[in-house]
Amino acid sequence: MAQAQKKGSKEVVGTLRLHIPAGQASPSPPVGPALGQRGINIMEFCKAFNDKTKTVDAGAPVPVLIRVYKDKSFDFETKEPPASYLIKKAAQLSKGGATPGRGSAAATLDAAAVRAIAESKQKDLNANDVEAAMRIIAGTARSMGIDVKGMS
């Protein structure tokens, strides 16, 4: 069993990582069973999550880290949608290229679009500045079969 950690004055007994569509948390699987087995009030989480993500594009997958405390209370931290989702949205694609790095690209992104994605994702990335974040996003785009123009 996971060793309990101290967070403030409460004892953390577990953490959960889920990807939940923005504004669409409900007691149905996968959210309900994952929270229910930890003894968390599922409806309380769903209401709080949906309220917090109402400004994010509806249906965008939102990574969430949920900390469960010994007294069955919880808190959670949301992150930006995954880079792949933001890249597909910027390129107006439903999925990446079938054969990345071989043949034609599925789409093309310019440096401005990469910068916009990098600026929104920078706090979630392991990057010291926007240029480093742009290189990470450009690499993700290339691995999805999307060309990036205007970057060296």
Protein backbone atom coordinates (compact mmCIF):
# COMPACT_ATOMS: atom_id res chain seq x y z
CA MET A 1 0.00 0.00 0.00
CA ALA A 2 1.19 3.52 -0.71
CA GLN A 3 2.95 5.24 2.12
CA ALA A 4 0.99 8.18 3.52
CA GLN A 5 2.41 11.67 2.99
CA LYS A 6 1.80 14.90 4.87
CA LYS A 7 0.33 17.85 2.97
CA GLY A 8 -0.19 20.78 5.27
CA SER A 9 -1.91 19.39 8.35
CA LYS A 10 -3.70 16.57 6.52
CA GLU A 11 -2.34 13.14 5.73
CA VAL A 12 -2.42 12.17 2.03
CA VAL A 13 -3.31 8.50 1.62
CA GLY A 14 -3.40 8.34 -2.16
CA THR A 15 -3.39 10.14 -5.47
CA LEU A 16 -5.30 9.54 -8.68
CA ARG A 17 -4.46 10.74 -12.17
CA LEU A 18 -7.34 10.87 -14.62
CA HIS A 19 -8.10 12.45 -17.99
CA ILE A 20 -11.66 13.76 -17.91
CA PRO A 21 -13.43 15.71 -20.67
CA ALA A 22 -13.78 19.36 -19.63
CA GLY A 23 -17.13 20.11 -18.03
CA GLN A 24 -18.30 16.51 -18.42
CA ALA A 25 -17.31 14.77 -15.17
CA SER A 26 -20.08 12.38 -14.12
CA PRO A 27 -20.46 9.51 -11.66
CA SER A 28 -20.28 7.01 -14.52
CA PRO A 29 -17.06 5.12 -15.36
CA PRO A 30 -14.17 5.90 -15.28
CA VAL A 31 -14.66 8.71 -12.75
CA GLY A 32 -17.23 7.11 -10.43
CA PRO A 33 -15.51 3.79 -9.73
CA ALA A 34 -12.06 5.39 -9.39
CA LEU A 35 -13.30 7.86 -6.78
CA GLY A 36 -15.79 5.54 -5.11
CA GLN A 37 -13.21 2.94 -4.13
CA ARG A 38 -11.26 5.71 -2.38
CA GLY A 39 -14.33 6.84 -0.43
CA ILE A 40 -14.56 10.26 -2.10
CA ASN A 41 -17.90 12.04 -2.50
CA ILE A 42 -18.28 11.57 -6.26
CA MET A 43 -20.92 14.25 -6.85
CA GLU A 44 -18.93 16.83 -4.89
CA PHE A 45 -15.89 16.15 -7.11
CA CYS A 46 -17.95 16.22 -10.32
CA LYS A 47 -19.54 19.59 -9.45
CA ALA A 48 -16.19 21.13 -8.45
CA PHE A 49 -14.39 19.77 -11.55
CA ASN A 50 -17.12 20.87 -13.97
CA ASP A 51 -17.17 24.33 -12.38
CA LYS A 52 -13.39 24.68 -12.61
CA THR A 53 -13.22 23.53 -16.25
CA LYS A 54 -16.17 25.52 -17.60
CA THR A 55 -13.74 27.96 -19.30
CA VAL A 56 -11.90 25.15 -21.15
CA ASP A 57 -13.21 23.98 -24.54
CA ALA A 58 -16.10 21.60 -23.87
CA GLY A 59 -15.00 18.00 -24.24
CA ALA A 60 -11.26 18.73 -24.24
CA PRO A 61 -9.42 16.04 -22.25
CA VAL A 62 -8.19 17.62 -19.02
CA PRO A 63 -5.53 15.83 -16.96
CA VAL A 64 -6.40 16.02 -13.26
CA LEU A 65 -4.39 15.02 -10.18
CA ILE A 66 -6.62 14.16 -7.23
CA ARG A 67 -5.14 13.93 -3.73
CA VAL A 68 -7.13 11.85 -1.24
CA TYR A 69 -6.71 12.54 2.47
CA LYS A 70 -7.13 10.23 5.44
CA ASP A 71 -10.42 11.89 6.46
CA LYS A 72 -11.84 11.08 2.95
CA SER A 73 -11.61 14.69 1.86
CA PHE A 74 -9.80 15.54 -1.38
CA ASP A 75 -8.38 18.31 -3.46
CA PHE A 76 -7.47 18.32 -7.12
CA GLU A 77 -5.27 20.13 -9.58
CA THR A 78 -6.12 20.44 -13.27
CA LYS A 79 -3.61 20.88 -16.05
CA GLU A 80 -3.88 22.13 -19.62
CA PRO A 81 -5.21 19.68 -22.24
CA PRO A 82 -2.47 17.44 -23.75
CA ALA A 83 -0.19 18.97 -26.37
CA SER A 84 -1.38 16.46 -28.97
CA TYR A 85 -4.99 17.65 -28.51
CA LEU A 86 -3.96 21.31 -28.87
CA ILE A 87 -1.84 20.54 -31.94
CA LYS A 88 -4.67 18.63 -33.65
CA LYS A 89 -7.05 21.49 -32.85
CA ALA A 90 -4.65 24.10 -34.28
CA ALA A 91 -4.08 21.98 -37.41
CA GLN A 92 -7.82 21.26 -37.68
CA LEU A 93 -7.27 17.49 -37.76
CA SER A 94 -9.18 14.65 -36.15
CA LYS A 95 -6.00 12.53 -35.86
CA GLY A 96 -2.30 12.71 -36.65
CA GLY A 97 -0.60 11.33 -39.74
CA ALA A 98 -0.63 7.58 -40.39
CA THR A 99 3.10 7.41 -41.16
CA PRO A 100 4.97 10.25 -39.41
CA GLY A 101 8.33 11.07 -40.97
CA ARG A 102 7.57 9.17 -44.19
CA GLY A 103 5.93 10.77 -47.16
CA SER A 104 3.58 13.70 -46.98
CA ALA A 105 2.57 15.47 -43.81
CA ALA A 106 -0.96 15.36 -42.44
CA ALA A 107 -0.92 19.15 -41.97
CA THR A 108 1.37 22.13 -41.43
CA LEU A 109 1.69 24.42 -38.43
CA ASP A 110 3.50 27.74 -38.44
CA ALA A 111 5.74 29.07 -35.67
CA ALA A 112 2.99 31.40 -34.37
CA ALA A 113 0.64 28.47 -33.72
CA VAL A 114 3.44 26.51 -32.04
CA ARG A 115 4.24 29.55 -29.86
CA ALA A 116 0.59 29.93 -28.81
CA ILE A 117 0.42 26.26 -27.79
CA ALA A 118 3.79 26.46 -26.01
CA GLU A 119 2.74 29.54 -24.03
CA SER A 120 -0.46 27.86 -22.84
CA LYS A 121 1.33 24.60 -21.96
CA GLN A 122 4.55 26.07 -20.51
CA LYS A 123 3.61 25.64 -16.84
CA ASP A 124 2.97 21.90 -17.47
CA LEU A 125 6.15 21.36 -19.52
CA ASN A 126 9.70 20.84 -18.31
CA ALA A 127 10.95 23.98 -20.06
CA ASN A 128 12.70 27.08 -18.73
CA ASP A 129 11.50 29.48 -21.41
CA VAL A 130 9.02 29.75 -24.27
CA GLU A 131 11.62 28.81 -26.91
CA ALA A 132 12.35 25.51 -25.15
CA ALA A 133 8.61 24.86 -24.82
CA MET A 134 8.23 25.60 -28.55
CA ARG A 135 10.88 22.99 -29.37
CA ILE A 136 9.01 20.41 -27.25
CA ILE A 137 5.69 21.22 -28.97
CA ALA A 138 7.32 21.18 -32.44
CA GLY A 139 8.82 17.74 -31.70
CA THR A 140 5.42 16.44 -30.63
CA ALA A 141 3.86 17.83 -33.82
CA ARG A 142 6.55 16.18 -35.99
CA SER A 143 6.01 12.85 -34.23
CA MET A 144 2.32 13.17 -35.12
CA GLY A 145 3.17 13.64 -38.83
CA ILE A 146 2.60 17.41 -38.84
CA ASP A 147 5.15 19.72 -40.47
CA VAL A 148 6.29 22.81 -38.55
CA LYS A 149 7.24 25.82 -40.70
CA GLY A 150 9.27 28.83 -39.61
CA MET A 151 11.31 27.13 -36.89
CA SER A 152 14.97 26.22 -37.20
